[in-house]
Protein backbone atom coordinates (compact mmCIF):
# COMPACT_ATOMS: atom_id res chain seq x y z
CA UNK A 1 0.00 0.00 0.00
CA UNK A 2 1.41 3.45 -1.06
CA UNK A 3 1.38 6.11 1.66
CA UNK A 4 0.62 9.86 1.17
CA UNK A 5 4.27 10.78 1.85
CA UNK A 6 5.45 8.49 -0.93
CA UNK A 7 2.96 10.04 -3.34
CA UNK A 8 4.32 13.51 -2.50
CA UNK A 9 7.93 12.46 -2.97
CA UNK A 10 7.34 10.75 -6.32
CA UNK A 11 8.83 12.34 -9.49
CA UNK A 12 5.39 12.95 -10.99
CA UNK A 13 4.22 14.82 -7.90
CA UNK A 14 7.35 16.92 -7.79
CA UNK A 15 6.96 17.79 -11.48
CA UNK A 16 3.32 18.76 -10.91
CA UNK A 17 4.27 20.90 -7.94
CA UNK A 18 6.96 22.66 -10.00
CA UNK A 19 4.42 23.36 -12.77
CA UNK A 20 1.93 24.77 -10.29
CA UNK A 21 4.63 26.97 -8.77
CA UNK A 22 5.61 28.21 -12.26
CA UNK A 23 1.97 28.86 -13.10
CA UNK A 24 1.48 30.89 -9.90
CA UNK A 25 4.60 32.96 -10.74
CA UNK A 26 3.38 33.65 -14.27
CA UNK A 27 -0.07 34.57 -12.95
CA UNK A 28 1.50 36.99 -10.46
CA UNK A 29 3.70 38.53 -13.16
CA UNK A 30 0.72 38.95 -15.47
CA UNK A 31 -1.27 40.76 -12.79
CA UNK A 32 1.74 42.95 -11.98
CA UNK A 33 2.22 43.82 -15.67
CA UNK A 34 -1.49 44.59 -16.04
CA UNK A 35 -1.32 46.90 -13.03
CA UNK A 36 1.78 48.70 -14.36
CA UNK A 37 0.22 49.08 -17.81
CA UNK A 38 -2.92 50.58 -16.28
CA UNK A 39 -0.84 53.07 -14.28
CA UNK A 40 1.13 54.00 -17.40
CA UNK A 41 -2.09 54.55 -19.38
CA UNK A 42 -3.45 56.80 -16.64
CA UNK A 43 -0.22 58.82 -16.49
CA UNK A 44 -0.12 59.15 -20.28
CA UNK A 45 -3.72 60.37 -20.31
CA UNK A 46 -2.80 63.00 -17.71
CA UNK A 47 0.17 64.15 -19.78
CA UNK A 48 -1.96 64.44 -22.93
CA UNK A 49 -4.49 66.61 -21.11
CA UNK A 50 -1.78 69.02 -19.93
CA UNK A 51 -0.81 72.12 -22.01
CA UNK A 52 1.84 71.66 -24.68
CA UNK A 53 4.40 73.80 -22.83
CA UNK A 54 3.73 72.26 -19.42
CA UNK A 55 7.15 70.57 -19.20
CA UNK A 56 8.93 73.86 -19.94
CA UNK A 57 6.79 75.73 -17.39
CA UNK A 58 7.40 73.04 -14.79
CA UNK A 59 11.16 73.16 -15.34
CA UNK A 60 11.06 76.97 -15.14
CA UNK A 61 9.11 76.92 -11.86
CA UNK A 62 11.45 74.35 -10.36
CA UNK A 63 14.44 76.47 -11.39
CA UNK A 64 12.89 79.61 -9.85
CA UNK A 65 12.18 77.76 -6.61
CA UNK A 66 15.76 76.49 -6.50
CA UNK A 67 17.07 80.04 -7.09
CA UNK A 68 14.85 81.41 -4.30
CA UNK A 69 16.11 78.75 -1.90
CA UNK A 70 19.70 79.53 -2.87
CA UNK A 71 19.15 83.24 -2.31
CA UNK A 72 17.69 82.58 1.13
CA UNK A 73 20.66 80.39 2.06
CA UNK A 74 23.11 83.05 0.89
CA UNK A 75 21.24 85.76 2.80
CA UNK A 76 21.29 83.63 5.95
CA UNK A 77 25.08 83.21 5.64
CA UNK A 78 25.57 86.91 4.83
CA UNK A 79 26.82 86.23 1.29
CA UNK A 80 25.93 87.77 -2.05
CA UNK A 81 23.99 85.44 -4.34
CA UNK A 82 25.52 86.81 -7.56
CA UNK A 83 29.05 86.27 -6.25
CA UNK A 84 28.27 82.72 -5.12
CA UNK A 85 26.62 81.98 -8.48
CA UNK A 86 29.71 83.13 -10.37
CA UNK A 87 31.94 80.95 -8.21
CA UNK A 88 29.84 77.88 -9.09
CA UNK A 89 30.09 78.43 -12.87
CA UNK A 90 32.65 76.14 -14.49
CA UNK A 91 35.12 77.25 -17.14
CA UNK A 92 33.40 75.05 -19.75
CA UNK A 93 30.00 76.67 -19.11
CA UNK A 94 31.54 80.14 -19.30
CA UNK A 95 33.21 79.35 -22.63
CA UNK A 96 30.00 77.88 -24.02
CA UNK A 97 27.97 80.98 -23.05
CA UNK A 98 30.64 83.21 -24.55
CA UNK A 99 30.47 81.31 -27.84
CA UNK A 100 26.68 81.66 -27.88
CA UNK A 101 26.99 85.41 -27.38
CA UNK A 102 29.42 85.68 -30.29
CA UNK A 103 27.11 83.71 -32.58
CA UNK A 104 24.24 86.13 -32.01
CA UNK A 105 23.98 88.83 -34.66
CA UNK A 106 21.99 91.82 -33.35
CA UNK A 107 22.14 93.52 -36.77
CA UNK A 108 18.76 92.76 -38.35
CA UNK A 109 19.52 94.69 -41.53
CA UNK A 110 18.69 98.18 -42.71
CA UNK A 111 15.36 99.34 -41.32
CA UNK A 112 15.96 103.08 -41.39
CA UNK A 113 18.66 105.70 -41.00
CA UNK A 114 17.80 106.31 -37.34
CA UNK A 115 18.13 102.60 -36.47
CA UNK A 116 21.37 102.29 -38.45
CA UNK A 117 22.85 105.31 -36.68
CA UNK A 118 21.79 103.94 -33.29
CA UNK A 119 23.43 100.55 -34.03
CA UNK A 120 26.62 102.31 -35.09
CA UNK A 121 26.57 104.35 -31.87
CA UNK A 122 26.23 101.19 -29.77
CA UNK A 123 29.03 99.48 -31.70
CA UNK A 124 31.38 102.43 -31.27
CA UNK A 125 30.64 102.89 -27.57
CA UNK A 126 31.39 99.21 -26.92
CA UNK A 127 34.84 99.72 -28.42
CA UNK A 128 35.71 102.58 -26.06
CA UNK A 129 38.24 101.75 -23.35
CA UNK A 130 37.80 104.33 -20.56
CA UNK A 131 40.81 105.78 -18.77
CA UNK A 132 39.84 105.16 -15.15
CA UNK A 133 42.93 106.88 -13.78
CA UNK A 134 42.11 110.13 -15.57
CA UNK A 135 38.45 109.74 -14.60
CA UNK A 136 39.23 109.45 -10.89
CA UNK A 137 41.69 112.34 -11.07
CA UNK A 138 39.13 114.60 -12.72
CA UNK A 139 36.51 113.63 -10.15
CA UNK A 140 38.84 114.59 -7.31
CA UNK A 141 39.66 117.92 -8.93
CA UNK A 142 36.05 118.90 -9.64
CA UNK A 143 34.63 117.72 -6.35
CA UNK A 144 30.87 118.23 -6.14
CA UNK A 145 30.83 119.91 -9.58
CA UNK A 146 31.77 116.57 -11.13
CA UNK A 147 28.04 115.76 -10.97
CA UNK A 148 26.61 119.09 -12.17
CA UNK A 149 23.16 120.37 -11.37
CA UNK A 150 21.12 123.27 -12.68
CA UNK A 151 23.15 125.61 -10.41
CA UNK A 152 26.59 124.40 -11.55
CA UNK A 153 28.74 126.75 -13.66
CA UNK A 154 31.38 124.50 -15.19
CA UNK A 155 30.48 124.83 -18.86
CA UNK A 156 33.58 125.39 -20.97
CA UNK A 157 36.04 124.73 -18.16
CA UNK A 158 36.94 121.19 -19.23
CA UNK A 159 40.02 120.85 -21.45
CA UNK A 160 40.53 117.41 -23.03
CA UNK A 161 43.95 115.81 -22.67
CA UNK A 162 46.26 115.23 -25.61
CA UNK A 163 45.88 111.47 -25.18
CA UNK A 164 42.10 111.74 -25.36
CA UNK A 165 42.27 113.88 -28.52
CA UNK A 166 44.68 111.38 -30.09
CA UNK A 167 42.33 108.51 -29.33
CA UNK A 168 39.44 110.37 -30.91
CA UNK A 169 41.48 111.20 -34.02
CA UNK A 170 42.61 107.59 -34.32
CA UNK A 171 39.02 106.36 -34.05
CA UNK A 172 37.81 108.83 -36.69
CA UNK A 173 40.60 107.81 -39.06
CA UNK A 174 39.64 104.16 -38.63
CA UNK A 175 36.04 104.98 -39.52
CA UNK A 176 37.14 106.90 -42.63
CA UNK A 177 39.38 104.01 -43.68
CA UNK A 178 36.55 101.54 -43.18
CA UNK A 179 34.14 103.64 -45.26
CA UNK A 180 36.73 103.93 -48.06
CA UNK A 181 36.88 100.14 -48.35
CA UNK A 182 33.13 99.87 -48.62
CA UNK A 183 31.66 100.39 -52.07
CA UNK A 184 28.07 99.90 -53.04
CA UNK A 185 27.02 99.12 -56.57
CA UNK A 186 24.98 101.90 -58.04
CA UNK A 187 21.57 100.84 -59.27
CA UNK A 188 21.74 103.25 -62.20
CA UNK A 189 24.52 104.78 -64.26
CA UNK A 190 23.94 108.53 -64.52
CA UNK A 191 26.10 108.76 -67.66
CA UNK A 192 24.30 105.99 -69.55
CA UNK A 193 21.69 106.76 -72.21
CA UNK A 194 18.11 106.58 -71.02
CA UNK A 195 16.28 104.39 -73.52
CA UNK A 196 13.52 103.08 -71.27
CA UNK A 197 10.32 104.38 -69.75
CA UNK A 198 10.12 102.17 -66.63
CA UNK A 199 11.96 99.42 -64.79
CA UNK A 200 10.35 96.61 -66.77
CA UNK A 201 11.22 98.27 -70.09
CA UNK A 202 14.84 98.76 -68.92
CA UNK A 203 15.22 95.04 -68.21
CA UNK A 204 13.74 94.17 -71.60
CA UNK A 205 16.14 96.54 -73.37
CA UNK A 206 19.12 94.97 -71.55
CA UNK A 207 18.08 91.50 -72.68
CA UNK A 208 17.56 92.71 -76.24
CA UNK A 209 20.98 94.40 -76.25
CA UNK A 210 22.62 91.25 -74.94
CA UNK A 211 21.18 89.02 -77.66
CA UNK A 212 20.89 91.39 -80.69
CA UNK A 213 23.26 94.24 -79.84
CA UNK A 214 26.04 93.12 -82.17
CA UNK A 215 23.57 92.86 -85.09
CA UNK A 216 21.91 96.25 -84.56
CA UNK A 217 24.99 98.28 -83.57
CA UNK A 218 25.42 99.82 -87.06
CA UNK A 219 21.71 100.67 -87.38
CA UNK A 220 21.75 102.32 -83.96
CA UNK A 221 24.82 104.41 -84.87
CA UNK A 222 23.19 105.55 -88.13
CA UNK A 223 20.06 106.58 -86.27
CA UNK A 224 22.10 108.58 -83.75
CA UNK A 225 24.06 110.32 -86.54
CA UNK A 226 20.95 110.88 -88.61
CA UNK A 227 22.38 109.11 -91.65
CA UNK A 228 19.96 106.19 -91.65
CA UNK A 229 18.26 105.56 -95.00
């Protein structure tokens, strides 16, 4: 007679037990996958219902919160936030930002003489290298009159230094030299004969001259001289 313990220890029973254990594992994994898929579908539906720029706004808000926390920490330690921020910037980041600044072209083209003159003024002022030593010396000499008011009488008392005049002359000469190198093609030749009545007719005459000019040169000369038959 076979006992219950022998039935449990038999190879067939062990194989059946292993299959049942494998089935329970697969069933558990299937339920876990179904649960994860449902959570992912819910999260995806939430993301689709959000505005298109939500990720950018969220990143911006998180960055602003981090900056506010950093400012509070610096204020609590008695430090300046801008100084601490500069100390944390790496050399690679600084070089990358500098390259981005150089790539930007603020010149949007000719929009008017006033805008062109203003852009030239900004470009020239950026090239100026102030003489801080002379500036401080002049401020000490003038005292309170260095920052004039409506009651100050210092008009005409300032005499520019020779070095300052030389710098101005050098800058003006550079501008003249730069303008001399620039030449713009004239749209019309004032000395050329006017044989057209509008822009479209002028283009047509140029094409006709290009293709038939060598054949009609003699006829044209006779007409100009008045000897045409």
